Amino acid sequence: MRGRRKRLLLDDEEDPLGGVANLFDAAMVFAVALLVALAISASVPELLTEDADVTVVKNPGKENMQVIIKKGQEIKVMNMTEQVAGGQGHKLGTAYRLETGEVIYVPVNAS
């Protein structure tokens, strides 16, 4: 029985790593699926379309606010600073967010 067990262990036809040979391919498919799911869950499928124009604002109203602009295949990231979006101005009106999520802009009456 010892010879039979030894012959089974030394058999060249069975590779112990043969089951994980395609592990890299499976990981790549999984990674691409996660990227697609992320784009769809962000409700911005335009990010995957080559000719779509998209503007995304990250952290609105905070010090580390960023504006990401995608025009066609070109993507530009702008960090908001005083030099980029600062200065003097005047009030144009008021914006209200309703319970439904809609935003209504009410301009100031020009006198």
C-alpha atoms as a PDB file:
ATOM      1  CA  MET A   1       0.000   0.000   0.000  1.00  0.00           C
ATOM      2  CA  ARG A   2       2.926   2.325   0.561  1.00  0.00           C
ATOM      3  CA  GLY A   3       3.951   2.137  -3.072  1.00  0.00           C
ATOM      4  CA  ARG A   4       0.450   2.926  -4.252  1.00  0.00           C
ATOM      5  CA  ARG A   5       0.163   6.013  -2.016  1.00  0.00           C
ATOM      6  CA  LYS A   6       3.579   7.237  -3.182  1.00  0.00           C
ATOM      7  CA  ARG A   7       2.571   6.771  -6.800  1.00  0.00           C
ATOM      8  CA  LEU A   8      -0.599   8.831  -6.230  1.00  0.00           C
ATOM      9  CA  LEU A   9       1.381  11.680  -4.654  1.00  0.00           C
ATOM     10  CA  LEU A  10       3.983  11.768  -7.421  1.00  0.00           C
ATOM     11  CA  ASP A  11       1.479  11.580 -10.279  1.00  0.00           C
ATOM     12  CA  ASP A  12       2.394  14.305 -12.834  1.00  0.00           C
ATOM     13  CA  GLU A  13      -1.089  14.551 -14.289  1.00  0.00           C
ATOM     14  CA  GLU A  14      -2.551  16.311 -11.246  1.00  0.00           C
ATOM     15  CA  ASP A  15      -1.172  19.775 -10.571  1.00  0.00           C
ATOM     16  CA  PRO A  16      -2.099  21.045  -7.090  1.00  0.00           C
ATOM     17  CA  LEU A  17      -2.129  24.660  -8.357  1.00  0.00           C
ATOM     18  CA  GLY A  18      -4.191  23.859 -11.434  1.00  0.00           C
ATOM     19  CA  GLY A  19      -7.378  25.042  -9.747  1.00  0.00           C
ATOM     20  CA  VAL A  20      -6.055  28.581  -9.257  1.00  0.00           C
ATOM     21  CA  ALA A  21      -4.511  29.019 -12.708  1.00  0.00           C
ATOM     22  CA  ASN A  22      -7.215  31.476 -13.799  1.00  0.00           C
ATOM     23  CA  LEU A  23      -7.353  33.393 -10.522  1.00  0.00           C
ATOM     24  CA  PHE A  24      -5.836  36.541 -12.059  1.00  0.00           C
ATOM     25  CA  ASP A  25      -8.408  36.567 -14.863  1.00  0.00           C
ATOM     26  CA  ALA A  26     -11.234  36.170 -12.370  1.00  0.00           C
ATOM     27  CA  ALA A  27      -9.838  39.019 -10.245  1.00  0.00           C
ATOM     28  CA  MET A  28      -9.676  41.325 -13.286  1.00  0.00           C
ATOM     29  CA  VAL A  29     -13.285  40.572 -14.238  1.00  0.00           C
ATOM     30  CA  PHE A  30     -14.329  41.224 -10.637  1.00  0.00           C
ATOM     31  CA  ALA A  31     -12.452  44.563 -10.567  1.00  0.00           C
ATOM     32  CA  VAL A  32     -14.056  45.756 -13.805  1.00  0.00           C
ATOM     33  CA  ALA A  33     -17.484  44.724 -12.521  1.00  0.00           C
ATOM     34  CA  LEU A  34     -16.882  46.762  -9.352  1.00  0.00           C
ATOM     35  CA  LEU A  35     -15.919  49.831 -11.383  1.00  0.00           C
ATOM     36  CA  VAL A  36     -19.044  49.559 -13.524  1.00  0.00           C
ATOM     37  CA  ALA A  37     -21.209  49.054 -10.427  1.00  0.00           C
ATOM     38  CA  LEU A  38     -19.618  52.115  -8.814  1.00  0.00           C
ATOM     39  CA  ALA A  39     -20.359  54.291 -11.852  1.00  0.00           C
ATOM     40  CA  ILE A  40     -23.952  53.064 -12.025  1.00  0.00           C
ATOM     41  CA  SER A  41     -24.564  53.410  -8.287  1.00  0.00           C
ATOM     42  CA  ALA A  42     -23.313  56.995  -8.429  1.00  0.00           C
ATOM     43  CA  SER A  43     -26.140  57.639 -10.914  1.00  0.00           C
ATOM     44  CA  VAL A  44     -23.621  59.087 -13.349  1.00  0.00           C
ATOM     45  CA  PRO A  45     -23.403  56.639 -16.274  1.00  0.00           C
ATOM     46  CA  GLU A  46     -22.231  59.586 -18.387  1.00  0.00           C
ATOM     47  CA  LEU A  47     -18.767  59.056 -16.903  1.00  0.00           C
ATOM     48  CA  LEU A  48     -18.507  55.915 -19.030  1.00  0.00           C
ATOM     49  CA  THR A  49     -19.704  57.627 -22.232  1.00  0.00           C
ATOM     50  CA  GLU A  50     -16.903  59.138 -24.323  1.00  0.00           C
ATOM     51  CA  ASP A  51     -18.767  62.149 -25.733  1.00  0.00           C
ATOM     52  CA  ALA A  52     -20.758  63.145 -22.619  1.00  0.00           C
ATOM     53  CA  ASP A  53     -20.080  66.343 -20.653  1.00  0.00           C
ATOM     54  CA  VAL A  54     -20.346  66.063 -16.847  1.00  0.00           C
ATOM     55  CA  THR A  55     -19.612  68.431 -13.947  1.00  0.00           C
ATOM     56  CA  VAL A  56     -19.343  67.022 -10.406  1.00  0.00           C
ATOM     57  CA  VAL A  57     -18.923  69.091  -7.216  1.00  0.00           C
ATOM     58  CA  LYS A  58     -17.243  67.308  -4.286  1.00  0.00           C
ATOM     59  CA  ASN A  59     -17.632  68.683  -0.747  1.00  0.00           C
ATOM     60  CA  PRO A  60     -19.754  71.724  -1.726  1.00  0.00           C
ATOM     61  CA  GLY A  61     -19.285  74.784   0.467  1.00  0.00           C
ATOM     62  CA  LYS A  62     -16.295  73.380   2.378  1.00  0.00           C
ATOM     63  CA  GLU A  63     -12.625  74.378   2.327  1.00  0.00           C
ATOM     64  CA  ASN A  64     -11.613  71.267   0.356  1.00  0.00           C
ATOM     65  CA  MET A  65     -14.306  71.692  -2.313  1.00  0.00           C
ATOM     66  CA  GLN A  66     -13.413  70.353  -5.768  1.00  0.00           C
ATOM     67  CA  VAL A  67     -15.112  70.779  -9.125  1.00  0.00           C
ATOM     68  CA  ILE A  68     -14.518  67.926 -11.590  1.00  0.00           C
ATOM     69  CA  ILE A  69     -15.326  68.762 -15.209  1.00  0.00           C
ATOM     70  CA  LYS A  70     -15.435  66.097 -17.945  1.00  0.00           C
ATOM     71  CA  LYS A  71     -15.739  67.364 -21.522  1.00  0.00           C
ATOM     72  CA  GLY A  72     -15.568  64.477 -23.952  1.00  0.00           C
ATOM     73  CA  GLN A  73     -12.461  62.527 -23.000  1.00  0.00           C
ATOM     74  CA  GLU A  74     -10.773  65.398 -21.155  1.00  0.00           C
ATOM     75  CA  ILE A  75     -11.131  65.497 -17.356  1.00  0.00           C
ATOM     76  CA  LYS A  76     -10.156  68.592 -15.367  1.00  0.00           C
ATOM     77  CA  VAL A  77     -10.087  68.804 -11.543  1.00  0.00           C
ATOM     78  CA  MET A  78     -10.229  72.266  -9.968  1.00  0.00           C
ATOM     79  CA  ASN A  79      -9.544  72.812  -6.260  1.00  0.00           C
ATOM     80  CA  MET A  80     -11.532  75.809  -5.055  1.00  0.00           C
ATOM     81  CA  THR A  81      -9.432  78.546  -3.492  1.00  0.00           C
ATOM     82  CA  GLU A  82      -9.897  82.313  -3.056  1.00  0.00           C
ATOM     83  CA  GLN A  83      -8.089  82.858  -6.372  1.00  0.00           C
ATOM     84  CA  VAL A  84     -10.352  80.454  -8.300  1.00  0.00           C
ATOM     85  CA  ALA A  85     -13.787  81.349  -6.901  1.00  0.00           C
ATOM     86  CA  GLY A  86     -13.527  84.305  -4.572  1.00  0.00           C
ATOM     87  CA  GLY A  87     -14.032  88.029  -4.635  1.00  0.00           C
ATOM     88  CA  GLN A  88     -16.685  90.668  -4.161  1.00  0.00           C
ATOM     89  CA  GLY A  89     -20.254  90.434  -5.396  1.00  0.00           C
ATOM     90  CA  HIS A  90     -23.876  91.032  -4.511  1.00  0.00           C
ATOM     91  CA  LYS A  91     -26.826  88.858  -3.619  1.00  0.00           C
ATOM     92  CA  LEU A  92     -28.857  87.713  -6.607  1.00  0.00           C
ATOM     93  CA  GLY A  93     -31.581  85.849  -4.754  1.00  0.00           C
ATOM     94  CA  THR A  94     -32.345  82.926  -2.481  1.00  0.00           C
ATOM     95  CA  ALA A  95     -32.464  79.194  -3.200  1.00  0.00           C
ATOM     96  CA  TYR A  96     -34.808  76.881  -1.292  1.00  0.00           C
ATOM     97  CA  ARG A  97     -34.696  73.073  -1.207  1.00  0.00           C
ATOM     98  CA  LEU A  98     -38.176  71.523  -0.933  1.00  0.00           C
ATOM     99  CA  GLU A  99     -38.966  68.286   0.894  1.00  0.00           C
ATOM    100  CA  THR A 100     -39.167  66.570  -2.494  1.00  0.00           C
ATOM    101  CA  GLY A 101     -35.529  67.459  -3.187  1.00  0.00           C
ATOM    102  CA  GLU A 102     -36.316  70.134  -5.764  1.00  0.00           C
ATOM    103  CA  VAL A 103     -34.455  73.462  -5.561  1.00  0.00           C
ATOM    104  CA  ILE A 104     -36.333  76.697  -6.244  1.00  0.00           C
ATOM    105  CA  TYR A 105     -34.474  79.955  -6.923  1.00  0.00           C
ATOM    106  CA  VAL A 106     -36.225  83.210  -5.999  1.00  0.00           C
ATOM    107  CA  PRO A 107     -34.452  86.283  -7.431  1.00  0.00           C
ATOM    108  CA  VAL A 108     -34.202  89.546  -5.492  1.00  0.00           C
ATOM    109  CA  ASN A 109     -36.506  92.221  -6.934  1.00  0.00           C
ATOM    110  CA  ALA A 110     -34.364  94.781  -8.747  1.00  0.00           C
ATOM    111  CA  SER A 111     -35.297  98.264  -7.536  1.00  0.00           C
END
